[in-house]
PDB file of all heavy atoms in Angstrom:
ATOM      1  N   GLU A   1      -3.495 102.824 -47.621  1.00  0.00           N
ATOM      2  CA  GLU A   1      -2.715 102.611 -48.850  1.00  0.00           C
ATOM      3  C   GLU A   1      -1.323 103.186 -48.708  1.00  0.00           C
ATOM      4  O   GLU A   1      -1.115 104.161 -48.003  1.00  0.00           O
ATOM      5  CB  GLU A   1      -3.368 103.306 -50.052  1.00  0.00           C
ATOM      6  CG  GLU A   1      -4.449 102.553 -50.699  1.00  0.00           C
ATOM      7  CD  GLU A   1      -4.935 103.228 -51.986  1.00  0.00           C
ATOM      8  OE1 GLU A   1      -4.486 104.324 -52.348  1.00  0.00           O
ATOM      9  OE2 GLU A   1      -5.789 102.610 -52.617  1.00  0.00           O
ATOM     10  N   ILE A   2      -0.415 102.574 -49.420  1.00  0.00           N
ATOM     11  CA  ILE A   2       0.933 103.116 -49.600  1.00  0.00           C
ATOM     12  C   ILE A   2       1.061 103.363 -51.095  1.00  0.00           C
ATOM     13  O   ILE A   2       0.879 102.453 -51.900  1.00  0.00           O
ATOM     14  CB  ILE A   2       2.022 102.132 -49.141  1.00  0.00           C
ATOM     15  CG1 ILE A   2       1.928 101.882 -47.636  1.00  0.00           C
ATOM     16  CG2 ILE A   2       3.409 102.643 -49.525  1.00  0.00           C
ATOM     17  CD1 ILE A   2       2.857 100.787 -47.138  1.00  0.00           C
ATOM     18  N   ASN A   3       1.338 104.591 -51.468  1.00  0.00           N
ATOM     19  CA  ASN A   3       1.550 104.950 -52.871  1.00  0.00           C
ATOM     20  C   ASN A   3       2.956 105.520 -52.998  1.00  0.00           C
ATOM     21  O   ASN A   3       3.289 106.498 -52.340  1.00  0.00           O
ATOM     22  CB  ASN A   3       0.517 105.984 -53.326  1.00  0.00           C
ATOM     23  CG  ASN A   3      -0.866 105.398 -53.353  1.00  0.00           C
ATOM     24  OD1 ASN A   3      -1.176 104.594 -54.214  1.00  0.00           O
ATOM     25  ND2 ASN A   3      -1.702 105.775 -52.388  1.00  0.00           N
ATOM     26  N   VAL A   4       3.759 104.874 -53.817  1.00  0.00           N
ATOM     27  CA  VAL A   4       5.143 105.285 -53.997  1.00  0.00           C
ATOM     28  C   VAL A   4       5.423 105.423 -55.487  1.00  0.00           C
ATOM     29  O   VAL A   4       5.058 104.553 -56.277  1.00  0.00           O
ATOM     30  CB  VAL A   4       6.110 104.245 -53.375  1.00  0.00           C
ATOM     31  CG1 VAL A   4       7.548 104.625 -53.625  1.00  0.00           C
ATOM     32  CG2 VAL A   4       5.846 104.090 -51.890  1.00  0.00           C
ATOM     33  N   SER A   5       6.054 106.524 -55.854  1.00  0.00           N
ATOM     34  CA  SER A   5       6.477 106.751 -57.244  1.00  0.00           C
ATOM     35  C   SER A   5       7.930 107.195 -57.225  1.00  0.00           C
ATOM     36  O   SER A   5       8.320 107.996 -56.376  1.00  0.00           O
ATOM     37  CB  SER A   5       5.633 107.833 -57.913  1.00  0.00           C
ATOM     38  OG  SER A   5       4.295 107.427 -58.022  1.00  0.00           O
ATOM     39  N   GLU A   6       8.691 106.668 -58.158  1.00  0.00           N
ATOM     40  CA  GLU A   6      10.093 107.059 -58.243  1.00  0.00           C
ATOM     41  C   GLU A   6      10.572 106.966 -59.687  1.00  0.00           C
ATOM     42  O   GLU A   6      10.171 106.071 -60.423  1.00  0.00           O
ATOM     43  CB  GLU A   6      10.952 106.166 -57.349  1.00  0.00           C
ATOM     44  CG  GLU A   6      12.356 106.686 -57.240  1.00  0.00           C
ATOM     45  CD  GLU A   6      12.995 106.324 -55.911  1.00  0.00           C
ATOM     46  OE1 GLU A   6      12.293 106.107 -54.928  1.00  0.00           O
ATOM     47  OE2 GLU A   6      14.234 106.269 -55.915  1.00  0.00           O
ATOM     48  N   ARG A   7      11.447 107.901 -60.051  1.00  0.00           N
ATOM     49  CA  ARG A   7      12.022 107.917 -61.393  1.00  0.00           C
ATOM     50  C   ARG A   7      13.253 107.007 -61.434  1.00  0.00           C
ATOM     51  O   ARG A   7      14.147 107.117 -60.600  1.00  0.00           O
ATOM     52  CB  ARG A   7      12.427 109.333 -61.781  1.00  0.00           C
ATOM     53  CG  ARG A   7      12.994 109.452 -63.184  1.00  0.00           C
ATOM     54  CD  ARG A   7      13.423 110.881 -63.492  1.00  0.00           C
ATOM     55  NE  ARG A   7      12.446 111.857 -63.080  1.00  0.00           N
ATOM     56  CZ  ARG A   7      11.484 112.368 -63.861  1.00  0.00           C
ATOM     57  NH1 ARG A   7      11.408 111.982 -65.113  1.00  0.00           N
ATOM     58  NH2 ARG A   7      10.644 113.257 -63.404  1.00  0.00           N
ATOM     59  N   MET A   8      13.279 106.122 -62.412  1.00  0.00           N
ATOM     60  CA  MET A   8      14.421 105.224 -62.574  1.00  0.00           C
ATOM     61  C   MET A   8      15.507 105.941 -63.375  1.00  0.00           C
ATOM     62  O   MET A   8      15.259 106.390 -64.494  1.00  0.00           O
ATOM     63  CB  MET A   8      14.026 103.938 -63.291  1.00  0.00           C
ATOM     64  CG  MET A   8      15.149 102.939 -63.351  1.00  0.00           C
ATOM     65  SD  MET A   8      14.653 101.301 -63.915  1.00  0.00           S
ATOM     66  CE  MET A   8      14.526 101.577 -65.664  1.00  0.00           C
ATOM     67  N   PRO A   9      16.707 106.074 -62.811  1.00  0.00           N
ATOM     68  CA  PRO A   9      17.805 106.719 -63.539  1.00  0.00           C
ATOM     69  C   PRO A   9      18.137 105.964 -64.827  1.00  0.00           C
ATOM     70  O   PRO A   9      17.925 104.757 -64.927  1.00  0.00           O
ATOM     71  CB  PRO A   9      18.981 106.645 -62.559  1.00  0.00           C
ATOM     72  CG  PRO A   9      18.353 106.457 -61.217  1.00  0.00           C
ATOM     73  CD  PRO A   9      17.095 105.680 -61.465  1.00  0.00           C
ATOM     74  N   GLU A  10      18.648 106.675 -65.803  1.00  0.00           N
ATOM     75  CA  GLU A  10      18.989 106.089 -67.108  1.00  0.00           C
ATOM     76  C   GLU A  10      19.991 104.947 -66.996  1.00  0.00           C
ATOM     77  O   GLU A  10      19.866 103.943 -67.667  1.00  0.00           O
ATOM     78  CB  GLU A  10      19.572 107.168 -68.039  1.00  0.00           C
ATOM     79  CG  GLU A  10      18.582 108.231 -68.464  1.00  0.00           C
ATOM     80  CD  GLU A  10      17.610 107.745 -69.524  1.00  0.00           C
ATOM     81  OE1 GLU A  10      17.920 106.776 -70.249  1.00  0.00           O
ATOM     82  OE2 GLU A  10      16.525 108.335 -69.618  1.00  0.00           O
ATOM     83  N   ASP A  11      20.989 105.101 -66.155  1.00  0.00           N
ATOM     84  CA  ASP A  11      22.077 104.121 -66.068  1.00  0.00           C
ATOM     85  C   ASP A  11      21.884 103.136 -64.908  1.00  0.00           C
ATOM     86  O   ASP A  11      22.845 102.611 -64.364  1.00  0.00           O
ATOM     87  CB  ASP A  11      23.419 104.836 -65.927  1.00  0.00           C
ATOM     88  CG  ASP A  11      23.477 105.725 -64.695  1.00  0.00           C
ATOM     89  OD1 ASP A  11      22.417 105.972 -64.081  1.00  0.00           O
ATOM     90  OD2 ASP A  11      24.581 106.173 -64.344  1.00  0.00           O
ATOM     91  N   CYS A  12      20.651 102.866 -64.573  1.00  0.00           N
ATOM     92  CA  CYS A  12      20.311 102.052 -63.409  1.00  0.00           C
ATOM     93  C   CYS A  12      19.997 100.613 -63.807  1.00  0.00           C
ATOM     94  O   CYS A  12      19.422 100.358 -64.862  1.00  0.00           O
ATOM     95  CB  CYS A  12      19.099 102.690 -62.735  1.00  0.00           C
ATOM     96  SG  CYS A  12      18.503 101.831 -61.299  1.00  0.00           S
ATOM     97  N   ASP A  13      20.364  99.680 -62.935  1.00  0.00           N
ATOM     98  CA  ASP A  13      19.976  98.283 -63.105  1.00  0.00           C
ATOM     99  C   ASP A  13      18.498  98.176 -62.723  1.00  0.00           C
ATOM    100  O   ASP A  13      18.138  98.453 -61.576  1.00  0.00           O
ATOM    101  CB  ASP A  13      20.825  97.397 -62.195  1.00  0.00           C
ATOM    102  CG  ASP A  13      20.264  95.997 -62.055  1.00  0.00           C
ATOM    103  OD1 ASP A  13      19.869  95.402 -63.091  1.00  0.00           O
ATOM    104  OD2 ASP A  13      20.208  95.502 -60.911  1.00  0.00           O
ATOM    105  N   PRO A  14      17.613  97.802 -63.653  1.00  0.00           N
ATOM    106  CA  PRO A  14      16.174  97.749 -63.348  1.00  0.00           C
ATOM    107  C   PRO A  14      15.820  96.852 -62.163  1.00  0.00           C
ATOM    108  O   PRO A  14      14.992  97.214 -61.336  1.00  0.00           O
ATOM    109  CB  PRO A  14      15.553  97.214 -64.642  1.00  0.00           C
ATOM    110  CG  PRO A  14      16.526  97.554 -65.702  1.00  0.00           C
ATOM    111  CD  PRO A  14      17.875  97.476 -65.049  1.00  0.00           C
ATOM    112  N   THR A  15      16.470  95.704 -62.063  1.00  0.00           N
ATOM    113  CA  THR A  15      16.160  94.790 -60.959  1.00  0.00           C
ATOM    114  C   THR A  15      16.515  95.427 -59.616  1.00  0.00           C
ATOM    115  O   THR A  15      15.735  95.371 -58.663  1.00  0.00           O
ATOM    116  CB  THR A  15      16.887  93.447 -61.137  1.00  0.00           C
ATOM    117  OG1 THR A  15      16.472  92.860 -62.372  1.00  0.00           O
ATOM    118  CG2 THR A  15      16.584  92.499 -59.991  1.00  0.00           C
ATOM    119  N   GLY A  16      17.661  96.051 -59.548  1.00  0.00           N
ATOM    120  CA  GLY A  16      18.067  96.733 -58.320  1.00  0.00           C
ATOM    121  C   GLY A  16      17.134  97.884 -57.973  1.00  0.00           C
ATOM    122  O   GLY A  16      16.789  98.094 -56.804  1.00  0.00           O
ATOM    123  N   PHE A  17      16.707  98.613 -58.989  1.00  0.00           N
ATOM    124  CA  PHE A  17      15.759  99.715 -58.795  1.00  0.00           C
ATOM    125  C   PHE A  17      14.446  99.186 -58.225  1.00  0.00           C
ATOM    126  O   PHE A  17      13.912  99.722 -57.256  1.00  0.00           O
ATOM    127  CB  PHE A  17      15.523 100.440 -60.119  1.00  0.00           C
ATOM    128  CG  PHE A  17      14.443 101.475 -60.047  1.00  0.00           C
ATOM    129  CD1 PHE A  17      14.677 102.707 -59.464  1.00  0.00           C
ATOM    130  CD2 PHE A  17      13.190 101.210 -60.570  1.00  0.00           C
ATOM    131  CE1 PHE A  17      13.672 103.661 -59.393  1.00  0.00           C
ATOM    132  CE2 PHE A  17      12.177 102.165 -60.513  1.00  0.00           C
ATOM    133  CZ  PHE A  17      12.417 103.393 -59.921  1.00  0.00           C
ATOM    134  N   HIS A  18      13.915  98.121 -58.832  1.00  0.00           N
ATOM    135  CA  HIS A  18      12.652  97.547 -58.362  1.00  0.00           C
ATOM    136  C   HIS A  18      12.775  97.048 -56.924  1.00  0.00           C
ATOM    137  O   HIS A  18      11.899  97.293 -56.096  1.00  0.00           O
ATOM    138  CB  HIS A  18      12.204  96.403 -59.276  1.00  0.00           C
ATOM    139  CG  HIS A  18      11.841  96.859 -60.646  1.00  0.00           C
ATOM    140  ND1 HIS A  18      12.189  96.156 -61.766  1.00  0.00           N
ATOM    141  CD2 HIS A  18      11.175  97.956 -61.084  1.00  0.00           C
ATOM    142  CE1 HIS A  18      11.751  96.790 -62.828  1.00  0.00           C
ATOM    143  NE2 HIS A  18      11.136  97.885 -62.451  1.00  0.00           N
ATOM    144  N   ARG A  19      13.868  96.362 -56.632  1.00  0.00           N
ATOM    145  CA  ARG A  19      14.070  95.843 -55.270  1.00  0.00           C
ATOM    146  C   ARG A  19      14.154  96.983 -54.256  1.00  0.00           C
ATOM    147  O   ARG A  19      13.614  96.885 -53.155  1.00  0.00           O
ATOM    148  CB  ARG A  19      15.329  94.990 -55.215  1.00  0.00           C
ATOM    149  CG  ARG A  19      15.126  93.622 -55.806  1.00  0.00           C
ATOM    150  CD  ARG A  19      16.270  92.686 -55.464  1.00  0.00           C
ATOM    151  NE  ARG A  19      15.947  91.350 -55.945  1.00  0.00           N
ATOM    152  CZ  ARG A  19      16.730  90.643 -56.723  1.00  0.00           C
ATOM    153  NH1 ARG A  19      17.898  91.108 -57.101  1.00  0.00           N
ATOM    154  NH2 ARG A  19      16.357  89.446 -57.119  1.00  0.00           N
ATOM    155  N   SER A  20      14.831  98.054 -54.620  1.00  0.00           N
ATOM    156  CA  SER A  20      14.957  99.198 -53.728  1.00  0.00           C
ATOM    157  C   SER A  20      13.588  99.815 -53.421  1.00  0.00           C
ATOM    158  O   SER A  20      13.284 100.159 -52.271  1.00  0.00           O
ATOM    159  CB  SER A  20      15.881 100.239 -54.366  1.00  0.00           C
ATOM    160  OG  SER A  20      15.903 101.412 -53.606  1.00  0.00           O
ATOM    161  N   LEU A  21      12.761  99.937 -54.447  1.00  0.00           N
ATOM    162  CA  LEU A  21      11.421 100.497 -54.258  1.00  0.00           C
ATOM    163  C   LEU A  21      10.571  99.570 -53.394  1.00  0.00           C
ATOM    164  O   LEU A  21       9.842 100.025 -52.499  1.00  0.00           O
ATOM    165  CB  LEU A  21      10.764 100.731 -55.623  1.00  0.00           C
ATOM    166  CG  LEU A  21       9.583 101.689 -55.660  1.00  0.00           C
ATOM    167  CD1 LEU A  21       9.946 103.066 -55.137  1.00  0.00           C
ATOM    168  CD2 LEU A  21       9.059 101.801 -57.081  1.00  0.00           C
ATOM    169  N   LEU A  22      10.676  98.266 -53.627  1.00  0.00           N
ATOM    170  CA  LEU A  22       9.919  97.301 -52.825  1.00  0.00           C
ATOM    171  C   LEU A  22      10.398  97.301 -51.372  1.00  0.00           C
ATOM    172  O   LEU A  22       9.592  97.180 -50.447  1.00  0.00           O
ATOM    173  CB  LEU A  22      10.032  95.906 -53.442  1.00  0.00           C
ATOM    174  CG  LEU A  22       9.386  95.760 -54.820  1.00  0.00           C
ATOM    175  CD1 LEU A  22       9.752  94.422 -55.443  1.00  0.00           C
ATOM    176  CD2 LEU A  22       7.883  95.943 -54.756  1.00  0.00           C
ATOM    177  N   ASP A  23      11.704  97.460 -51.155  1.00  0.00           N
ATOM    178  CA  ASP A  23      12.232  97.563 -49.790  1.00  0.00           C
ATOM    179  C   ASP A  23      11.641  98.777 -49.077  1.00  0.00           C
ATOM    180  O   ASP A  23      11.282  98.701 -47.897  1.00  0.00           O
ATOM    181  CB  ASP A  23      13.758  97.656 -49.791  1.00  0.00           C
ATOM    182  CG  ASP A  23      14.449  96.346 -50.139  1.00  0.00           C
ATOM    183  OD1 ASP A  23      13.772  95.285 -50.117  1.00  0.00           O
ATOM    184  OD2 ASP A  23      15.655  96.395 -50.457  1.00  0.00           O
ATOM    185  N   ALA A  24      11.539  99.895 -49.782  1.00  0.00           N
ATOM    186  CA  ALA A  24      10.959 101.111 -49.198  1.00  0.00           C
ATOM    187  C   ALA A  24       9.494 100.883 -48.823  1.00  0.00           C
ATOM    188  O   ALA A  24       9.034 101.311 -47.760  1.00  0.00           O
ATOM    189  CB  ALA A  24      11.082 102.282 -50.172  1.00  0.00           C
ATOM    190  N   ILE A  25       8.764 100.188 -49.680  1.00  0.00           N
ATOM    191  CA  ILE A  25       7.362  99.868 -49.391  1.00  0.00           C
ATOM    192  C   ILE A  25       7.260  98.973 -48.161  1.00  0.00           C
ATOM    193  O   ILE A  25       6.426  99.203 -47.281  1.00  0.00           O
ATOM    194  CB  ILE A  25       6.696  99.214 -50.615  1.00  0.00           C
ATOM    195  CG1 ILE A  25       6.489 100.268 -51.700  1.00  0.00           C
ATOM    196  CG2 ILE A  25       5.382  98.533 -50.241  1.00  0.00           C
ATOM    197  CD1 ILE A  25       6.106  99.710 -53.047  1.00  0.00           C
ATOM    198  N   ASN A  26       8.126  97.976 -48.073  1.00  0.00           N
ATOM    199  CA  ASN A  26       8.104  97.086 -46.915  1.00  0.00           C
ATOM    200  C   ASN A  26       8.428  97.822 -45.617  1.00  0.00           C
ATOM    201  O   ASN A  26       7.842  97.545 -44.571  1.00  0.00           O
ATOM    202  CB  ASN A  26       9.048  95.904 -47.122  1.00  0.00           C
ATOM    203  CG  ASN A  26       8.522  94.924 -48.147  1.00  0.00           C
ATOM    204  OD1 ASN A  26       7.319  94.734 -48.276  1.00  0.00           O
ATOM    205  ND2 ASN A  26       9.420  94.311 -48.889  1.00  0.00           N
ATOM    206  N   GLU A  27       9.345  98.782 -45.680  1.00  0.00           N
ATOM    207  CA  GLU A  27       9.663  99.596 -44.497  1.00  0.00           C
ATOM    208  C   GLU A  27       8.454 100.403 -44.057  1.00  0.00           C
ATOM    209  O   GLU A  27       8.145 100.484 -42.861  1.00  0.00           O
ATOM    210  CB  GLU A  27      10.833 100.539 -44.793  1.00  0.00           C
ATOM    211  CG  GLU A  27      12.183  99.879 -44.761  1.00  0.00           C
ATOM    212  CD  GLU A  27      13.306 100.883 -44.969  1.00  0.00           C
ATOM    213  OE1 GLU A  27      13.230 101.992 -44.383  1.00  0.00           O
ATOM    214  OE2 GLU A  27      14.239 100.556 -45.712  1.00  0.00           O
ATOM    215  N   LEU A  28       7.761 101.024 -45.013  1.00  0.00           N
ATOM    216  CA  LEU A  28       6.558 101.781 -44.682  1.00  0.00           C
ATOM    217  C   LEU A  28       5.487 100.875 -44.083  1.00  0.00           C
ATOM    218  O   LEU A  28       4.818 101.241 -43.111  1.00  0.00           O
ATOM    219  CB  LEU A  28       6.008 102.493 -45.924  1.00  0.00           C
ATOM    220  CG  LEU A  28       6.798 103.705 -46.403  1.00  0.00           C
ATOM    221  CD1 LEU A  28       6.321 104.131 -47.783  1.00  0.00           C
ATOM    222  CD2 LEU A  28       6.644 104.850 -45.406  1.00  0.00           C
ATOM    223  N   ALA A  29       5.315  99.697 -44.661  1.00  0.00           N
ATOM    224  CA  ALA A  29       4.317  98.752 -44.150  1.00  0.00           C
ATOM    225  C   ALA A  29       4.629  98.379 -42.695  1.00  0.00           C
ATOM    226  O   ALA A  29       3.727  98.352 -41.850  1.00  0.00           O
ATOM    227  CB  ALA A  29       4.274  97.504 -45.029  1.00  0.00           C
ATOM    228  N   ARG A  30       5.907  98.103 -42.403  1.00  0.00           N
ATOM    229  CA  ARG A  30       6.290  97.782 -41.019  1.00  0.00           C
ATOM    230  C   ARG A  30       5.999  98.960 -40.092  1.00  0.00           C
ATOM    231  O   ARG A  30       5.526  98.773 -38.978  1.00  0.00           O
ATOM    232  CB  ARG A  30       7.767  97.390 -40.949  1.00  0.00           C
ATOM    233  CG  ARG A  30       8.032  95.968 -41.383  1.00  0.00           C
ATOM    234  CD  ARG A  30       9.464  95.526 -41.072  1.00  0.00           C
ATOM    235  NE  ARG A  30      10.486  96.301 -41.763  1.00  0.00           N
ATOM    236  CZ  ARG A  30      10.907  96.063 -43.001  1.00  0.00           C
ATOM    237  NH1 ARG A  30      10.386  95.071 -43.700  1.00  0.00           N
ATOM    238  NH2 ARG A  30      11.850  96.801 -43.547  1.00  0.00           N
ATOM    239  N   ALA A  31       6.284 100.171 -40.565  1.00  0.00           N
ATOM    240  CA  ALA A  31       6.026 101.360 -39.751  1.00  0.00           C
ATOM    241  C   ALA A  31       4.535 101.519 -39.448  1.00  0.00           C
ATOM    242  O   ALA A  31       4.156 102.025 -38.386  1.00  0.00           O
ATOM    243  CB  ALA A  31       6.552 102.612 -40.465  1.00  0.00           C
ATOM    244  N   TYR A  32       3.681 101.070 -40.364  1.00  0.00           N
ATOM    245  CA  TYR A  32       2.230 101.123 -40.149  1.00  0.00           C
ATOM    246  C   TYR A  32       1.719  99.941 -39.334  1.00  0.00           C
ATOM    247  O   TYR A  32       0.542  99.862 -39.012  1.00  0.00           O
ATOM    248  CB  TYR A  32       1.489 101.150 -41.482  1.00  0.00           C
ATOM    249  CG  TYR A  32       1.662 102.409 -42.282  1.00  0.00           C
ATOM    250  CD1 TYR A  32       1.689 102.367 -43.673  1.00  0.00           C
ATOM    251  CD2 TYR A  32       1.798 103.647 -41.674  1.00  0.00           C
ATOM    252  CE1 TYR A  32       1.849 103.516 -44.423  1.00  0.00           C
ATOM    253  CE2 TYR A  32       1.961 104.805 -42.412  1.00  0.00           C
ATOM    254  CZ  TYR A  32       1.985 104.731 -43.789  1.00  0.00           C
ATOM    255  OH  TYR A  32       2.135 105.871 -44.525  1.00  0.00           O
ATOM    256  N   GLY A  33       2.598  98.988 -39.036  1.00  0.00           N
ATOM    257  CA  GLY A  33       2.192  97.816 -38.271  1.00  0.00           C
ATOM    258  C   GLY A  33       1.536  96.738 -39.118  1.00  0.00           C
ATOM    259  O   GLY A  33       0.882  95.838 -38.596  1.00  0.00           O
ATOM    260  N   TRP A  34       1.713  96.828 -40.427  1.00  0.00           N
ATOM    261  CA  TRP A  34       1.132  95.828 -41.324  1.00  0.00           C
ATOM    262  C   TRP A  34       2.046  94.599 -41.379  1.00  0.00           C
ATOM    263  O   TRP A  34       3.264  94.728 -41.410  1.00  0.00           O
ATOM    264  CB  TRP A  34       0.993  96.376 -42.731  1.00  0.00           C
ATOM    265  CG  TRP A  34       0.062  97.532 -42.902  1.00  0.00           C
ATOM    266  CD1 TRP A  34      -0.727  98.111 -41.950  1.00  0.00           C
ATOM    267  CD2 TRP A  34      -0.167  98.258 -44.103  1.00  0.00           C
ATOM    268  NE1 TRP A  34      -1.431  99.154 -42.497  1.00  0.00           N
ATOM    269  CE2 TRP A  34      -1.113  99.266 -43.831  1.00  0.00           C
ATOM    270  CE3 TRP A  34       0.330  98.164 -45.393  1.00  0.00           C
ATOM    271  CZ2 TRP A  34      -1.572 100.159 -44.787  1.00  0.00           C
ATOM    272  CZ3 TRP A  34      -0.123  99.051 -46.351  1.00  0.00           C
ATOM    273  CH2 TRP A  34      -1.058 100.037 -46.056  1.00  0.00           C
ATOM    274  N   PRO A  35       1.469  93.396 -41.486  1.00  0.00           N
ATOM    275  CA  PRO A  35       2.300  92.200 -41.634  1.00  0.00           C
ATOM    276  C   PRO A  35       2.917  92.087 -43.030  1.00  0.00           C
ATOM    277  O   PRO A  35       3.906  91.398 -43.228  1.00  0.00           O
ATOM    278  CB  PRO A  35       1.322  91.042 -41.396  1.00  0.00           C
ATOM    279  CG  PRO A  35      -0.029  91.610 -41.644  1.00  0.00           C
ATOM    280  CD  PRO A  35       0.050  93.083 -41.352  1.00  0.00           C
ATOM    281  N   GLY A  36       2.343  92.769 -43.991  1.00  0.00           N
ATOM    282  CA  GLY A  36       2.833  92.747 -45.366  1.00  0.00           C
ATOM    283  C   GLY A  36       1.970  93.655 -46.220  1.00  0.00           C
ATOM    284  O   GLY A  36       1.222  94.481 -45.698  1.00  0.00           O
ATOM    285  N   VAL A  37       2.077  93.495 -47.527  1.00  0.00           N
ATOM    286  CA  VAL A  37       1.301  94.326 -48.452  1.00  0.00           C
ATOM    287  C   VAL A  37       0.718  93.481 -49.577  1.00  0.00           C
ATOM    288  O   VAL A  37       1.176  92.380 -49.846  1.00  0.00           O
ATOM    289  CB  VAL A  37       2.153  95.459 -49.080  1.00  0.00           C
ATOM    290  CG1 VAL A  37       2.674  96.402 -48.020  1.00  0.00           C
ATOM    291  CG2 VAL A  37       3.284  94.908 -49.912  1.00  0.00           C
ATOM    292  N   THR A  38      -0.281  94.026 -50.194  1.00  0.00           N
ATOM    293  CA  THR A  38      -0.805  93.514 -51.452  1.00  0.00           C
ATOM    294  C   THR A  38      -0.556  94.610 -52.474  1.00  0.00           C
ATOM    295  O   THR A  38      -0.991  95.751 -52.265  1.00  0.00           O
ATOM    296  CB  THR A  38      -2.321  93.229 -51.357  1.00  0.00           C
ATOM    297  OG1 THR A  38      -2.527  92.224 -50.373  1.00  0.00           O
ATOM    298  CG2 THR A  38      -2.875  92.777 -52.689  1.00  0.00           C
ATOM    299  N   ILE A  39       0.168  94.293 -53.533  1.00  0.00           N
ATOM    300  CA  ILE A  39       0.408  95.280 -54.590  1.00  0.00           C
ATOM    301  C   ILE A  39      -0.850  95.318 -55.447  1.00  0.00           C
ATOM    302  O   ILE A  39      -1.202  94.338 -56.093  1.00  0.00           O
ATOM    303  CB  ILE A  39       1.645  94.928 -55.435  1.00  0.00           C
ATOM    304  CG1 ILE A  39       2.883  94.836 -54.547  1.00  0.00           C
ATOM    305  CG2 ILE A  39       1.837  95.969 -56.544  1.00  0.00           C
ATOM    306  CD1 ILE A  39       4.119  94.299 -55.260  1.00  0.00           C
ATOM    307  N   CYS A  40      -1.535  96.444 -55.419  1.00  0.00           N
ATOM    308  CA  CYS A  40      -2.810  96.577 -56.136  1.00  0.00           C
ATOM    309  C   CYS A  40      -2.629  97.073 -57.567  1.00  0.00           C
ATOM    310  O   CYS A  40      -3.337  96.628 -58.460  1.00  0.00           O
ATOM    311  CB  CYS A  40      -3.726  97.544 -55.390  1.00  0.00           C
ATOM    312  SG  CYS A  40      -4.066  97.025 -53.715  1.00  0.00           S
ATOM    313  N   HIS A  41      -1.719  97.998 -57.743  1.00  0.00           N
ATOM    314  CA  HIS A  41      -1.492  98.580 -59.069  1.00  0.00           C
ATOM    315  C   HIS A  41      -0.012  98.873 -59.249  1.00  0.00           C
ATOM    316  O   HIS A  41       0.659  99.289 -58.311  1.00  0.00           O
ATOM    317  CB  HIS A  41      -2.260  99.899 -59.244  1.00  0.00           C
ATOM    318  CG  HIS A  41      -3.718  99.791 -59.016  1.00  0.00           C
ATOM    319  ND1 HIS A  41      -4.568  99.170 -59.895  1.00  0.00           N
ATOM    320  CD2 HIS A  41      -4.485 100.214 -57.993  1.00  0.00           C
ATOM    321  CE1 HIS A  41      -5.796  99.231 -59.425  1.00  0.00           C
ATOM    322  NE2 HIS A  41      -5.773  99.841 -58.263  1.00  0.00           N
ATOM    323  N   ALA A  42       0.452  98.674 -60.453  1.00  0.00           N
ATOM    324  CA  ALA A  42       1.815  99.054 -60.836  1.00  0.00           C
ATOM    325  C   ALA A  42       1.711  99.785 -62.167  1.00  0.00           C
ATOM    326  O   ALA A  42       1.056  99.299 -63.086  1.00  0.00           O
ATOM    327  CB  ALA A  42       2.702  97.827 -60.975  1.00  0.00           C
ATOM    328  N   LEU A  43       2.306 100.950 -62.238  1.00  0.00           N
ATOM    329  CA  LEU A  43       2.241 101.750 -63.459  1.00  0.00           C
ATOM    330  C   LEU A  43       3.647 102.203 -63.833  1.00  0.00           C
ATOM    331  O   LEU A  43       4.363 102.777 -63.009  1.00  0.00           O
ATOM    332  CB  LEU A  43       1.334 102.963 -63.256  1.00  0.00           C
ATOM    333  CG  LEU A  43       1.224 103.926 -64.431  1.00  0.00           C
ATOM    334  CD1 LEU A  43       0.581 103.244 -65.639  1.00  0.00           C
ATOM    335  CD2 LEU A  43       0.433 105.147 -64.034  1.00  0.00           C
TER     336      LEU A  43
END
């Protein structure tokens, strides 16, 4: 599993924030040798 949590700044563009978090997840997945991910939970 990859579990990532991050606080969104008050003055942040939500779409950019989400994309940044997803990019970080994709980087971790590549580092683990995974071809991709399945997002199981979002909170």
